[in-house]
N, C-alpha and C. Protein backbone atom coordinates (compact mmCIF):
# COMPACT_ATOMS: atom_id res chain seq x y z
N MET A 1 -0.42 11.53 3.14
CA MET A 1 -1.66 10.77 3.21
C MET A 1 -1.46 9.62 4.17
N ASN A 2 -2.28 8.59 4.02
CA ASN A 2 -2.39 7.62 5.08
C ASN A 2 -1.75 6.29 4.70
N GLU A 3 -0.54 6.32 4.20
CA GLU A 3 0.08 5.12 3.69
C GLU A 3 0.66 4.33 4.84
N CYS A 4 -0.21 3.67 5.58
CA CYS A 4 0.16 3.16 6.89
C CYS A 4 0.26 1.66 6.96
N SER A 5 1.09 1.09 6.16
CA SER A 5 1.39 -0.32 6.21
C SER A 5 0.15 -1.18 6.03
N ASP A 6 0.13 -2.34 6.68
CA ASP A 6 -0.82 -3.37 6.33
C ASP A 6 -2.01 -3.36 7.26
N SER A 7 -2.67 -2.29 7.36
CA SER A 7 -3.65 -2.02 8.38
C SER A 7 -4.77 -3.04 8.43
N SER A 8 -4.67 -3.98 9.33
CA SER A 8 -5.78 -4.89 9.59
C SER A 8 -6.52 -4.41 10.82
N THR A 9 -6.65 -3.09 10.95
CA THR A 9 -7.06 -2.55 12.22
C THR A 9 -8.24 -1.61 12.17
N GLN A 10 -8.57 -1.04 11.02
CA GLN A 10 -9.65 -0.07 10.98
C GLN A 10 -10.64 -0.45 9.90
N ALA A 11 -11.87 0.01 10.06
CA ALA A 11 -12.91 -0.31 9.09
C ALA A 11 -12.74 0.48 7.82
N ASP A 12 -13.19 -0.09 6.71
CA ASP A 12 -13.19 0.63 5.46
C ASP A 12 -14.32 1.64 5.46
N SER A 13 -14.19 2.63 4.56
CA SER A 13 -15.22 3.64 4.45
C SER A 13 -15.71 3.70 3.01
N GLY A 14 -16.36 4.80 2.65
CA GLY A 14 -16.98 4.92 1.35
C GLY A 14 -16.00 5.32 0.27
N THR A 15 -16.55 5.72 -0.85
CA THR A 15 -15.72 5.97 -2.02
C THR A 15 -15.50 7.45 -2.27
N GLY A 16 -15.99 8.32 -1.45
CA GLY A 16 -15.89 9.75 -1.72
C GLY A 16 -14.51 10.30 -1.47
N ASP A 17 -14.28 11.53 -1.96
CA ASP A 17 -13.00 12.19 -1.82
C ASP A 17 -12.98 13.18 -0.66
N ARG A 18 -13.95 13.14 0.20
CA ARG A 18 -13.93 14.05 1.33
C ARG A 18 -12.89 13.60 2.35
N ASP A 19 -12.52 14.53 3.23
CA ASP A 19 -11.57 14.19 4.28
C ASP A 19 -12.32 13.45 5.37
N ARG A 20 -12.22 12.14 5.37
CA ARG A 20 -13.08 11.32 6.21
C ARG A 20 -12.53 11.20 7.61
N PRO A 21 -13.37 11.30 8.64
CA PRO A 21 -12.91 11.11 10.02
C PRO A 21 -12.20 9.78 10.17
N GLY A 22 -11.09 9.78 10.91
CA GLY A 22 -10.32 8.58 11.08
C GLY A 22 -9.34 8.34 9.95
N HIS A 23 -9.34 9.17 8.92
CA HIS A 23 -8.45 9.02 7.79
C HIS A 23 -7.59 10.27 7.58
N ARG A 24 -7.64 11.20 8.50
CA ARG A 24 -6.79 12.38 8.40
C ARG A 24 -5.37 12.02 8.80
N SER A 25 -4.41 12.78 8.30
CA SER A 25 -3.00 12.46 8.54
C SER A 25 -2.69 12.36 10.02
N HIS A 26 -3.19 13.31 10.80
CA HIS A 26 -2.90 13.30 12.23
C HIS A 26 -3.46 12.05 12.89
N ASP A 27 -4.67 11.65 12.55
CA ASP A 27 -5.29 10.47 13.13
C ASP A 27 -4.50 9.21 12.80
N VAL A 28 -4.06 9.12 11.57
CA VAL A 28 -3.33 7.94 11.13
C VAL A 28 -1.97 7.86 11.81
N ARG A 29 -1.26 8.97 11.87
CA ARG A 29 0.03 8.97 12.55
C ARG A 29 -0.12 8.57 14.02
N GLU A 30 -1.14 9.09 14.67
CA GLU A 30 -1.35 8.77 16.07
C GLU A 30 -1.67 7.29 16.25
N PHE A 31 -2.56 6.78 15.41
CA PHE A 31 -2.97 5.38 15.52
C PHE A 31 -1.78 4.45 15.35
N PHE A 32 -1.04 4.60 14.27
CA PHE A 32 0.06 3.69 14.00
C PHE A 32 1.30 4.00 14.82
N GLY A 33 1.49 5.25 15.19
CA GLY A 33 2.63 5.59 16.03
C GLY A 33 2.59 4.85 17.35
N GLN A 34 1.41 4.67 17.91
CA GLN A 34 1.26 3.98 19.18
C GLN A 34 1.49 2.47 19.06
N ARG A 35 1.43 1.94 17.86
CA ARG A 35 1.52 0.50 17.64
C ARG A 35 2.78 0.08 16.92
N ALA A 36 3.62 1.01 16.54
CA ALA A 36 4.76 0.70 15.68
C ALA A 36 5.76 -0.25 16.33
N ARG A 37 6.03 -0.07 17.61
CA ARG A 37 7.11 -0.82 18.25
C ARG A 37 6.86 -2.33 18.21
N ASP A 38 5.62 -2.77 18.39
CA ASP A 38 5.36 -4.21 18.39
C ASP A 38 4.58 -4.67 17.17
N TRP A 39 4.56 -3.85 16.11
CA TRP A 39 3.76 -4.18 14.93
C TRP A 39 4.17 -5.51 14.31
N ASP A 40 5.46 -5.72 14.10
CA ASP A 40 5.90 -6.97 13.48
C ASP A 40 5.57 -8.18 14.34
N ALA A 41 5.66 -8.03 15.65
CA ALA A 41 5.36 -9.14 16.55
C ALA A 41 3.90 -9.54 16.50
N ARG A 42 3.04 -8.59 16.13
CA ARG A 42 1.61 -8.89 16.04
C ARG A 42 1.28 -9.72 14.81
N PHE A 43 2.10 -9.64 13.79
CA PHE A 43 1.84 -10.33 12.52
C PHE A 43 3.12 -11.06 12.08
N PRO A 44 3.55 -12.07 12.84
CA PRO A 44 4.87 -12.66 12.58
C PRO A 44 4.94 -13.58 11.36
N ASP A 45 3.79 -14.00 10.85
CA ASP A 45 3.79 -15.03 9.80
C ASP A 45 3.41 -14.51 8.43
N ASP A 46 3.43 -13.19 8.25
CA ASP A 46 2.97 -12.61 6.99
C ASP A 46 4.04 -12.54 5.90
N GLY A 47 5.28 -12.87 6.23
CA GLY A 47 6.37 -12.72 5.27
C GLY A 47 6.13 -13.41 3.94
N PRO A 48 5.76 -14.69 3.92
CA PRO A 48 5.51 -15.36 2.63
C PRO A 48 4.39 -14.71 1.83
N ALA A 49 3.36 -14.24 2.51
CA ALA A 49 2.26 -13.58 1.80
C ALA A 49 2.74 -12.30 1.14
N TYR A 50 3.58 -11.56 1.82
CA TYR A 50 4.13 -10.34 1.22
C TYR A 50 5.00 -10.66 0.02
N ALA A 51 5.83 -11.67 0.13
CA ALA A 51 6.69 -12.06 -0.99
C ALA A 51 5.85 -12.47 -2.20
N ALA A 52 4.75 -13.18 -1.95
CA ALA A 52 3.88 -13.58 -3.05
C ALA A 52 3.19 -12.37 -3.67
N GLY A 53 2.79 -11.41 -2.84
CA GLY A 53 2.18 -10.20 -3.35
C GLY A 53 3.13 -9.40 -4.21
N VAL A 54 4.36 -9.28 -3.76
CA VAL A 54 5.39 -8.57 -4.55
C VAL A 54 5.61 -9.27 -5.88
N ALA A 55 5.60 -10.59 -5.88
CA ALA A 55 5.84 -11.34 -7.12
C ALA A 55 4.80 -11.01 -8.19
N GLU A 56 3.59 -10.65 -7.77
CA GLU A 56 2.52 -10.33 -8.72
C GLU A 56 2.83 -9.08 -9.54
N LEU A 57 3.72 -8.23 -9.06
CA LEU A 57 4.07 -7.02 -9.80
C LEU A 57 4.90 -7.31 -11.05
N GLY A 58 5.53 -8.46 -11.11
CA GLY A 58 6.34 -8.79 -12.27
C GLY A 58 7.55 -7.89 -12.44
N LEU A 59 8.17 -7.53 -11.34
CA LEU A 59 9.33 -6.63 -11.39
C LEU A 59 10.51 -7.30 -12.06
N ARG A 60 11.35 -6.46 -12.68
CA ARG A 60 12.56 -6.94 -13.34
C ARG A 60 13.78 -6.26 -12.76
N ALA A 61 14.92 -6.85 -12.97
CA ALA A 61 16.17 -6.24 -12.51
C ALA A 61 16.29 -4.83 -13.08
N GLY A 62 16.63 -3.88 -12.22
CA GLY A 62 16.80 -2.50 -12.65
C GLY A 62 15.56 -1.65 -12.52
N ASP A 63 14.42 -2.24 -12.17
CA ASP A 63 13.19 -1.46 -12.03
C ASP A 63 13.26 -0.53 -10.82
N ARG A 64 12.38 0.48 -10.85
CA ARG A 64 12.25 1.45 -9.76
C ARG A 64 10.87 1.28 -9.14
N VAL A 65 10.84 0.93 -7.86
CA VAL A 65 9.57 0.59 -7.22
C VAL A 65 9.43 1.32 -5.90
N LEU A 66 8.20 1.70 -5.60
CA LEU A 66 7.85 2.36 -4.34
C LEU A 66 6.97 1.45 -3.51
N ASP A 67 7.30 1.30 -2.24
CA ASP A 67 6.39 0.70 -1.26
C ASP A 67 5.67 1.86 -0.59
N ALA A 68 4.43 2.08 -1.01
CA ALA A 68 3.64 3.21 -0.51
C ALA A 68 2.92 2.81 0.76
N GLY A 69 3.29 3.44 1.88
CA GLY A 69 2.78 3.01 3.17
C GLY A 69 3.56 1.81 3.64
N CYS A 70 4.88 1.92 3.60
CA CYS A 70 5.75 0.76 3.85
C CYS A 70 5.70 0.29 5.29
N GLY A 71 5.23 1.13 6.22
CA GLY A 71 5.19 0.72 7.60
C GLY A 71 6.54 0.32 8.11
N THR A 72 6.64 -0.87 8.70
CA THR A 72 7.92 -1.36 9.22
C THR A 72 8.78 -2.00 8.14
N GLY A 73 8.32 -1.97 6.91
CA GLY A 73 9.15 -2.39 5.78
C GLY A 73 9.17 -3.88 5.50
N ARG A 74 8.10 -4.58 5.81
CA ARG A 74 8.13 -6.02 5.61
C ARG A 74 8.18 -6.43 4.15
N ALA A 75 7.73 -5.58 3.24
CA ALA A 75 7.80 -5.91 1.81
C ALA A 75 9.15 -5.54 1.19
N LEU A 76 9.93 -4.75 1.88
CA LEU A 76 11.15 -4.21 1.27
C LEU A 76 12.17 -5.27 0.88
N PRO A 77 12.43 -6.31 1.68
CA PRO A 77 13.39 -7.32 1.22
C PRO A 77 12.95 -8.01 -0.07
N ALA A 78 11.66 -8.31 -0.20
CA ALA A 78 11.18 -8.96 -1.43
C ALA A 78 11.27 -8.01 -2.62
N LEU A 79 10.98 -6.74 -2.40
CA LEU A 79 11.10 -5.75 -3.47
C LEU A 79 12.55 -5.61 -3.92
N ARG A 80 13.47 -5.56 -2.96
CA ARG A 80 14.89 -5.45 -3.32
C ARG A 80 15.35 -6.68 -4.08
N ALA A 81 14.94 -7.87 -3.63
CA ALA A 81 15.34 -9.08 -4.33
C ALA A 81 14.82 -9.09 -5.76
N ALA A 82 13.64 -8.53 -5.97
CA ALA A 82 13.03 -8.53 -7.30
C ALA A 82 13.74 -7.60 -8.28
N VAL A 83 14.18 -6.44 -7.81
CA VAL A 83 14.80 -5.45 -8.72
C VAL A 83 16.32 -5.54 -8.74
N GLY A 84 16.90 -6.27 -7.78
CA GLY A 84 18.34 -6.46 -7.76
C GLY A 84 19.11 -5.21 -7.39
N PRO A 85 20.43 -5.33 -7.35
CA PRO A 85 21.27 -4.19 -6.96
C PRO A 85 21.22 -3.01 -7.92
N SER A 86 20.82 -3.26 -9.16
CA SER A 86 20.75 -2.17 -10.13
C SER A 86 19.43 -1.41 -10.07
N GLY A 87 18.47 -1.95 -9.33
CA GLY A 87 17.18 -1.30 -9.22
C GLY A 87 17.14 -0.31 -8.08
N ALA A 88 16.01 0.38 -7.95
CA ALA A 88 15.81 1.36 -6.89
C ALA A 88 14.54 1.01 -6.12
N VAL A 89 14.65 0.97 -4.80
CA VAL A 89 13.50 0.69 -3.93
C VAL A 89 13.33 1.87 -2.98
N LEU A 90 12.13 2.43 -2.97
CA LEU A 90 11.78 3.50 -2.05
C LEU A 90 10.71 2.99 -1.10
N GLY A 91 10.81 3.39 0.15
CA GLY A 91 9.78 3.10 1.13
C GLY A 91 9.27 4.39 1.72
N ALA A 92 7.98 4.66 1.58
CA ALA A 92 7.39 5.90 2.08
C ALA A 92 6.31 5.58 3.10
N ASP A 93 6.33 6.32 4.20
CA ASP A 93 5.28 6.18 5.19
C ASP A 93 5.06 7.52 5.88
N LEU A 94 3.85 7.69 6.35
CA LEU A 94 3.44 8.93 7.01
C LEU A 94 3.81 8.96 8.48
N THR A 95 4.10 7.80 9.07
CA THR A 95 4.29 7.69 10.51
C THR A 95 5.77 7.52 10.85
N PRO A 96 6.38 8.49 11.52
CA PRO A 96 7.81 8.38 11.84
C PRO A 96 8.16 7.14 12.64
N GLU A 97 7.28 6.76 13.56
CA GLU A 97 7.57 5.60 14.40
C GLU A 97 7.64 4.31 13.59
N MET A 98 6.83 4.23 12.54
CA MET A 98 6.90 3.06 11.67
C MET A 98 8.24 3.00 10.94
N LEU A 99 8.69 4.12 10.44
CA LEU A 99 9.99 4.16 9.77
C LEU A 99 11.12 3.86 10.74
N ASP A 100 11.01 4.34 11.98
CA ASP A 100 12.01 4.01 12.99
C ASP A 100 12.06 2.50 13.22
N ALA A 101 10.89 1.87 13.25
CA ALA A 101 10.85 0.42 13.44
C ALA A 101 11.48 -0.30 12.25
N ALA A 102 11.28 0.23 11.04
CA ALA A 102 11.91 -0.35 9.86
C ALA A 102 13.43 -0.29 9.96
N VAL A 103 13.94 0.83 10.47
CA VAL A 103 15.38 0.98 10.64
C VAL A 103 15.90 0.00 11.70
N ARG A 104 15.19 -0.11 12.80
CA ARG A 104 15.62 -1.05 13.85
C ARG A 104 15.66 -2.48 13.33
N ALA A 105 14.77 -2.80 12.41
CA ALA A 105 14.75 -4.14 11.81
C ALA A 105 15.80 -4.32 10.72
N GLY A 106 16.54 -3.26 10.41
CA GLY A 106 17.59 -3.32 9.39
C GLY A 106 17.09 -3.23 7.97
N ARG A 107 15.82 -2.86 7.79
CA ARG A 107 15.27 -2.84 6.45
C ARG A 107 15.62 -1.60 5.66
N ASP A 108 16.24 -0.64 6.31
CA ASP A 108 16.76 0.52 5.57
C ASP A 108 17.92 0.12 4.67
N ALA A 109 18.47 -1.08 4.87
CA ALA A 109 19.51 -1.57 3.98
C ALA A 109 18.94 -1.99 2.63
N GLU A 110 17.62 -2.20 2.58
CA GLU A 110 16.98 -2.66 1.35
C GLU A 110 16.40 -1.53 0.51
N ALA A 111 16.22 -0.35 1.11
CA ALA A 111 15.50 0.73 0.43
C ALA A 111 15.88 2.08 1.00
N ALA A 112 15.61 3.12 0.23
CA ALA A 112 15.69 4.48 0.74
C ALA A 112 14.35 4.81 1.39
N LEU A 113 14.36 5.07 2.68
CA LEU A 113 13.13 5.35 3.42
C LEU A 113 12.88 6.85 3.47
N MET A 114 11.60 7.23 3.36
CA MET A 114 11.27 8.65 3.42
C MET A 114 9.94 8.85 4.12
N LEU A 115 9.90 9.90 4.92
CA LEU A 115 8.67 10.32 5.57
C LEU A 115 7.90 11.13 4.55
N ALA A 116 6.80 10.58 4.04
CA ALA A 116 6.11 11.22 2.93
C ALA A 116 4.65 10.81 2.91
N ASP A 117 3.86 11.67 2.31
CA ASP A 117 2.42 11.50 2.16
C ASP A 117 2.12 11.16 0.70
N VAL A 118 1.29 10.14 0.47
CA VAL A 118 1.03 9.77 -0.92
C VAL A 118 0.26 10.83 -1.69
N SER A 119 -0.26 11.82 -1.00
CA SER A 119 -0.95 12.90 -1.72
C SER A 119 0.03 13.86 -2.38
N ALA A 120 1.31 13.76 -2.02
CA ALA A 120 2.32 14.66 -2.60
C ALA A 120 3.67 13.96 -2.53
N LEU A 121 3.89 13.02 -3.42
CA LEU A 121 5.13 12.26 -3.40
C LEU A 121 6.31 13.08 -3.92
N PRO A 122 7.45 13.00 -3.28
CA PRO A 122 8.62 13.76 -3.72
C PRO A 122 9.40 13.05 -4.82
N VAL A 123 8.69 12.66 -5.89
CA VAL A 123 9.32 12.04 -7.05
C VAL A 123 8.77 12.70 -8.31
N ARG A 124 9.57 12.68 -9.37
CA ARG A 124 9.15 13.33 -10.61
C ARG A 124 8.11 12.47 -11.34
N ASP A 125 7.44 13.08 -12.31
CA ASP A 125 6.43 12.37 -13.11
C ASP A 125 7.06 11.16 -13.80
N GLY A 126 6.39 10.01 -13.71
CA GLY A 126 6.84 8.82 -14.42
C GLY A 126 8.14 8.23 -13.92
N ALA A 127 8.55 8.57 -12.71
CA ALA A 127 9.84 8.12 -12.21
C ALA A 127 9.87 6.64 -11.85
N LEU A 128 8.70 6.06 -11.59
CA LEU A 128 8.63 4.70 -11.06
C LEU A 128 8.11 3.71 -12.10
N ASP A 129 8.52 2.46 -11.93
CA ASP A 129 7.98 1.38 -12.74
C ASP A 129 6.79 0.70 -12.07
N ALA A 130 6.72 0.79 -10.75
CA ALA A 130 5.66 0.08 -10.03
C ALA A 130 5.50 0.64 -8.63
N VAL A 131 4.32 0.37 -8.06
CA VAL A 131 4.02 0.71 -6.66
C VAL A 131 3.40 -0.51 -6.00
N PHE A 132 3.88 -0.82 -4.82
CA PHE A 132 3.29 -1.85 -3.97
C PHE A 132 2.66 -1.13 -2.78
N ALA A 133 1.42 -1.47 -2.46
CA ALA A 133 0.71 -0.76 -1.40
C ALA A 133 -0.09 -1.77 -0.57
N ALA A 134 0.40 -2.06 0.63
CA ALA A 134 -0.26 -3.01 1.52
C ALA A 134 -1.13 -2.25 2.51
N GLY A 135 -2.43 -2.50 2.46
CA GLY A 135 -3.35 -1.89 3.40
C GLY A 135 -3.54 -0.41 3.25
N LEU A 136 -3.11 0.15 2.15
CA LEU A 136 -3.10 1.60 1.98
C LEU A 136 -4.49 2.19 1.74
N ILE A 137 -5.25 1.58 0.87
CA ILE A 137 -6.44 2.26 0.34
C ILE A 137 -7.47 2.55 1.42
N SER A 138 -7.54 1.72 2.44
CA SER A 138 -8.53 1.93 3.49
C SER A 138 -8.25 3.16 4.33
N HIS A 139 -7.06 3.74 4.19
CA HIS A 139 -6.65 4.86 5.02
C HIS A 139 -6.44 6.15 4.22
N LEU A 140 -6.88 6.18 3.00
CA LEU A 140 -6.73 7.38 2.19
C LEU A 140 -7.86 8.35 2.47
N ALA A 141 -7.52 9.59 2.75
CA ALA A 141 -8.54 10.61 2.97
C ALA A 141 -9.26 10.96 1.68
N ALA A 142 -8.54 10.96 0.56
CA ALA A 142 -9.10 11.31 -0.74
C ALA A 142 -8.65 10.27 -1.75
N PRO A 143 -9.33 9.13 -1.83
CA PRO A 143 -8.84 8.01 -2.62
C PRO A 143 -8.54 8.32 -4.08
N SER A 144 -9.44 8.97 -4.79
CA SER A 144 -9.19 9.21 -6.21
C SER A 144 -8.02 10.17 -6.40
N ARG A 145 -7.93 11.18 -5.57
CA ARG A 145 -6.79 12.11 -5.65
C ARG A 145 -5.48 11.40 -5.38
N ASP A 146 -5.45 10.58 -4.34
CA ASP A 146 -4.20 9.95 -3.95
C ASP A 146 -3.79 8.84 -4.91
N LEU A 147 -4.75 8.09 -5.43
CA LEU A 147 -4.42 7.11 -6.45
C LEU A 147 -3.94 7.79 -7.73
N ALA A 148 -4.48 8.96 -8.03
CA ALA A 148 -4.00 9.73 -9.18
C ALA A 148 -2.57 10.21 -8.96
N GLU A 149 -2.23 10.54 -7.73
CA GLU A 149 -0.85 10.94 -7.44
C GLU A 149 0.10 9.77 -7.63
N LEU A 150 -0.32 8.57 -7.22
CA LEU A 150 0.51 7.40 -7.51
C LEU A 150 0.67 7.20 -9.01
N ALA A 151 -0.43 7.39 -9.76
CA ALA A 151 -0.35 7.26 -11.22
C ALA A 151 0.61 8.28 -11.82
N ARG A 152 0.60 9.48 -11.30
CA ARG A 152 1.52 10.52 -11.79
C ARG A 152 2.97 10.08 -11.68
N ALA A 153 3.27 9.38 -10.59
CA ALA A 153 4.65 9.00 -10.31
C ALA A 153 5.10 7.76 -11.07
N VAL A 154 4.17 7.06 -11.73
CA VAL A 154 4.47 5.81 -12.42
C VAL A 154 4.41 6.02 -13.94
N ARG A 155 5.32 5.40 -14.64
CA ARG A 155 5.32 5.50 -16.11
C ARG A 155 4.10 4.81 -16.68
N PRO A 156 3.65 5.22 -17.88
CA PRO A 156 2.58 4.49 -18.56
C PRO A 156 2.95 3.02 -18.72
N GLY A 157 2.03 2.14 -18.40
CA GLY A 157 2.29 0.71 -18.47
C GLY A 157 2.85 0.13 -17.19
N GLY A 158 3.23 1.00 -16.24
CA GLY A 158 3.70 0.52 -14.95
C GLY A 158 2.55 -0.05 -14.13
N ARG A 159 2.88 -0.69 -13.02
CA ARG A 159 1.87 -1.44 -12.28
C ARG A 159 1.70 -0.96 -10.84
N LEU A 160 0.51 -1.22 -10.33
CA LEU A 160 0.15 -0.95 -8.94
C LEU A 160 -0.43 -2.22 -8.35
N ALA A 161 0.07 -2.64 -7.19
CA ALA A 161 -0.50 -3.77 -6.47
C ALA A 161 -1.06 -3.28 -5.15
N LEU A 162 -2.38 -3.36 -4.99
CA LEU A 162 -3.05 -3.11 -3.72
C LEU A 162 -3.21 -4.46 -3.04
N PHE A 163 -2.63 -4.59 -1.87
CA PHE A 163 -2.44 -5.92 -1.28
C PHE A 163 -2.88 -5.92 0.19
N HIS A 164 -3.31 -7.09 0.64
CA HIS A 164 -3.47 -7.35 2.07
C HIS A 164 -3.28 -8.84 2.28
N PRO A 165 -2.64 -9.25 3.39
CA PRO A 165 -2.37 -10.68 3.58
C PRO A 165 -3.58 -11.53 3.91
N VAL A 166 -4.74 -10.92 4.14
CA VAL A 166 -5.99 -11.67 4.25
C VAL A 166 -7.05 -10.94 3.43
N GLY A 167 -8.10 -11.67 3.04
CA GLY A 167 -9.16 -11.09 2.23
C GLY A 167 -10.14 -10.27 3.04
N ARG A 168 -11.07 -9.65 2.36
CA ARG A 168 -12.02 -8.73 3.01
C ARG A 168 -12.91 -9.45 4.01
N ALA A 169 -13.45 -10.61 3.64
CA ALA A 169 -14.35 -11.31 4.54
C ALA A 169 -13.62 -11.80 5.78
N ALA A 170 -12.42 -12.34 5.60
CA ALA A 170 -11.65 -12.83 6.73
C ALA A 170 -11.27 -11.69 7.67
N LEU A 171 -10.94 -10.55 7.10
CA LEU A 171 -10.58 -9.39 7.92
C LEU A 171 -11.78 -8.88 8.69
N ALA A 172 -12.93 -8.81 8.02
CA ALA A 172 -14.14 -8.35 8.69
C ALA A 172 -14.53 -9.30 9.82
N ALA A 173 -14.40 -10.60 9.58
CA ALA A 173 -14.73 -11.57 10.62
C ALA A 173 -13.78 -11.45 11.81
N ARG A 174 -12.52 -11.20 11.54
CA ARG A 174 -11.53 -11.04 12.61
C ARG A 174 -11.90 -9.86 13.50
N LYS A 175 -12.43 -8.83 12.89
CA LYS A 175 -12.78 -7.62 13.63
C LYS A 175 -14.22 -7.60 14.11
N GLY A 176 -14.98 -8.66 13.80
CA GLY A 176 -16.37 -8.71 14.23
C GLY A 176 -17.24 -7.67 13.55
N ARG A 177 -16.92 -7.34 12.29
CA ARG A 177 -17.66 -6.33 11.55
C ARG A 177 -18.22 -6.94 10.26
N PRO A 178 -19.37 -6.47 9.81
CA PRO A 178 -19.91 -6.95 8.54
C PRO A 178 -19.23 -6.25 7.37
N LEU A 179 -19.20 -6.92 6.23
CA LEU A 179 -18.80 -6.24 5.00
C LEU A 179 -19.91 -5.26 4.61
N THR A 180 -19.53 -4.08 4.14
CA THR A 180 -20.51 -3.08 3.77
C THR A 180 -20.41 -2.76 2.28
N PRO A 181 -21.53 -2.33 1.67
CA PRO A 181 -21.52 -2.06 0.22
C PRO A 181 -20.55 -0.98 -0.20
N ASP A 182 -20.20 -0.06 0.72
CA ASP A 182 -19.31 1.03 0.32
C ASP A 182 -17.84 0.73 0.57
N ASP A 183 -17.50 -0.52 0.83
CA ASP A 183 -16.11 -0.92 1.01
C ASP A 183 -15.32 -0.57 -0.25
N LEU A 184 -14.32 0.27 -0.11
CA LEU A 184 -13.53 0.70 -1.26
C LEU A 184 -12.86 -0.47 -1.99
N ARG A 185 -12.54 -1.53 -1.25
CA ARG A 185 -11.80 -2.63 -1.85
C ARG A 185 -12.68 -3.61 -2.60
N ALA A 186 -14.00 -3.49 -2.49
CA ALA A 186 -14.90 -4.33 -3.28
C ALA A 186 -14.72 -4.00 -4.77
N GLU A 187 -14.70 -5.01 -5.60
CA GLU A 187 -14.41 -4.79 -7.02
C GLU A 187 -15.35 -3.78 -7.68
N PRO A 188 -16.67 -3.81 -7.43
CA PRO A 188 -17.55 -2.83 -8.10
C PRO A 188 -17.22 -1.37 -7.73
N ASN A 189 -16.66 -1.15 -6.56
CA ASN A 189 -16.25 0.20 -6.17
C ASN A 189 -14.85 0.52 -6.65
N LEU A 190 -13.97 -0.47 -6.56
CA LEU A 190 -12.56 -0.23 -6.85
C LEU A 190 -12.29 -0.01 -8.33
N ARG A 191 -12.94 -0.79 -9.19
CA ARG A 191 -12.65 -0.70 -10.63
C ARG A 191 -12.89 0.72 -11.17
N PRO A 192 -14.06 1.34 -10.95
CA PRO A 192 -14.25 2.70 -11.46
C PRO A 192 -13.38 3.73 -10.74
N LEU A 193 -13.10 3.50 -9.46
CA LEU A 193 -12.22 4.40 -8.74
C LEU A 193 -10.83 4.42 -9.36
N LEU A 194 -10.30 3.26 -9.65
CA LEU A 194 -9.00 3.18 -10.30
C LEU A 194 -9.03 3.78 -11.70
N ALA A 195 -10.07 3.46 -12.46
CA ALA A 195 -10.17 3.95 -13.83
C ALA A 195 -10.18 5.47 -13.88
N GLY A 196 -10.85 6.09 -12.92
CA GLY A 196 -10.89 7.54 -12.88
C GLY A 196 -9.65 8.18 -12.35
N SER A 197 -8.72 7.35 -11.84
CA SER A 197 -7.48 7.86 -11.24
C SER A 197 -6.25 7.52 -12.07
N GLY A 198 -6.46 6.99 -13.28
CA GLY A 198 -5.33 6.73 -14.16
C GLY A 198 -4.87 5.29 -14.21
N TRP A 199 -5.69 4.35 -13.69
CA TRP A 199 -5.31 2.95 -13.64
C TRP A 199 -6.39 2.06 -14.26
N ASP A 200 -5.96 0.95 -14.85
CA ASP A 200 -6.88 -0.08 -15.33
C ASP A 200 -6.68 -1.34 -14.49
N LEU A 201 -7.74 -1.80 -13.83
CA LEU A 201 -7.68 -3.01 -13.03
C LEU A 201 -7.59 -4.21 -13.95
N ILE A 202 -6.56 -5.04 -13.78
CA ILE A 202 -6.37 -6.19 -14.66
C ILE A 202 -6.49 -7.52 -13.92
N ARG A 203 -6.42 -7.49 -12.61
CA ARG A 203 -6.58 -8.73 -11.84
C ARG A 203 -7.14 -8.39 -10.47
N TYR A 204 -8.08 -9.20 -10.01
CA TYR A 204 -8.70 -8.97 -8.71
C TYR A 204 -8.87 -10.31 -8.01
N VAL A 205 -8.28 -10.43 -6.82
CA VAL A 205 -8.35 -11.65 -6.02
C VAL A 205 -8.76 -11.26 -4.61
N ASP A 206 -9.82 -11.89 -4.11
CA ASP A 206 -10.26 -11.63 -2.75
C ASP A 206 -10.61 -12.97 -2.11
N GLU A 207 -9.59 -13.58 -1.50
CA GLU A 207 -9.71 -14.88 -0.88
C GLU A 207 -9.42 -14.74 0.62
N ASP A 208 -9.74 -15.77 1.39
CA ASP A 208 -9.45 -15.70 2.82
C ASP A 208 -7.98 -15.45 3.08
N THR A 209 -7.11 -16.01 2.25
CA THR A 209 -5.68 -15.95 2.50
C THR A 209 -4.97 -14.76 1.86
N ARG A 210 -5.68 -13.98 1.06
CA ARG A 210 -5.04 -12.78 0.50
C ARG A 210 -6.05 -11.92 -0.24
N TYR A 211 -5.68 -10.66 -0.35
CA TYR A 211 -6.41 -9.70 -1.18
C TYR A 211 -5.39 -9.06 -2.11
N LEU A 212 -5.73 -9.03 -3.40
CA LEU A 212 -4.82 -8.42 -4.38
C LEU A 212 -5.63 -7.77 -5.49
N ALA A 213 -5.38 -6.51 -5.73
CA ALA A 213 -5.92 -5.81 -6.89
C ALA A 213 -4.72 -5.29 -7.68
N LEU A 214 -4.55 -5.80 -8.88
CA LEU A 214 -3.41 -5.44 -9.72
C LEU A 214 -3.90 -4.54 -10.85
N ALA A 215 -3.26 -3.38 -11.00
CA ALA A 215 -3.68 -2.40 -12.00
C ALA A 215 -2.49 -1.94 -12.82
N VAL A 216 -2.79 -1.48 -14.03
CA VAL A 216 -1.78 -0.96 -14.95
C VAL A 216 -2.02 0.51 -15.19
N ARG A 217 -0.95 1.28 -15.20
CA ARG A 217 -1.01 2.72 -15.45
C ARG A 217 -1.49 2.98 -16.86
N GLN A 218 -2.52 3.79 -17.00
CA GLN A 218 -3.04 4.16 -18.32
C GLN A 218 -2.04 5.04 -19.08
N GLY A 219 -2.25 5.12 -20.39
CA GLY A 219 -1.45 6.04 -21.19
C GLY A 219 -0.38 5.35 -22.03
């Protein structure tokens, strides 16, 4: 699927599960593959925001966490620090060039990196304690299916953090686009989408300086 890092680059779409233009695997790989080499340089000041987003997951030493759409791996050091040496950190992304950039940055020392699609994660049921996903939801071809796949991989009571280092309005203004009613990240759309995919939304923050939707795995 389209787990393509912290995409402040494309418009959000509706809530349906159809394969939406611009959200197909090939389109996403092409888009981010062309931008991977200088991705970190484009967003040099996001580190503290990522660390704060990771902190919202409430990870403990020994936990198993996935960065879904890890991109160049900017969240991986904070995830590793949170779970400690006894924990497990996985970083999955659909774009090989993004993973190559993560390796060049030395972030493969913090996590096991894998080329993978969130629609079919190579982990067993309930293997994870948490998932961190920066900019992921806007690039999912089939949101309810893919969020359900994340739920499959997380134990009951585990957590999901949907994150972005700026809020919806600030991002739309940056791109010169209006907010639209079918924005997946808007709370009225996101809450039922998560509920139908195995998650309960427990916290929602949409400020200029960050976007965070925190959910708990049902069951």
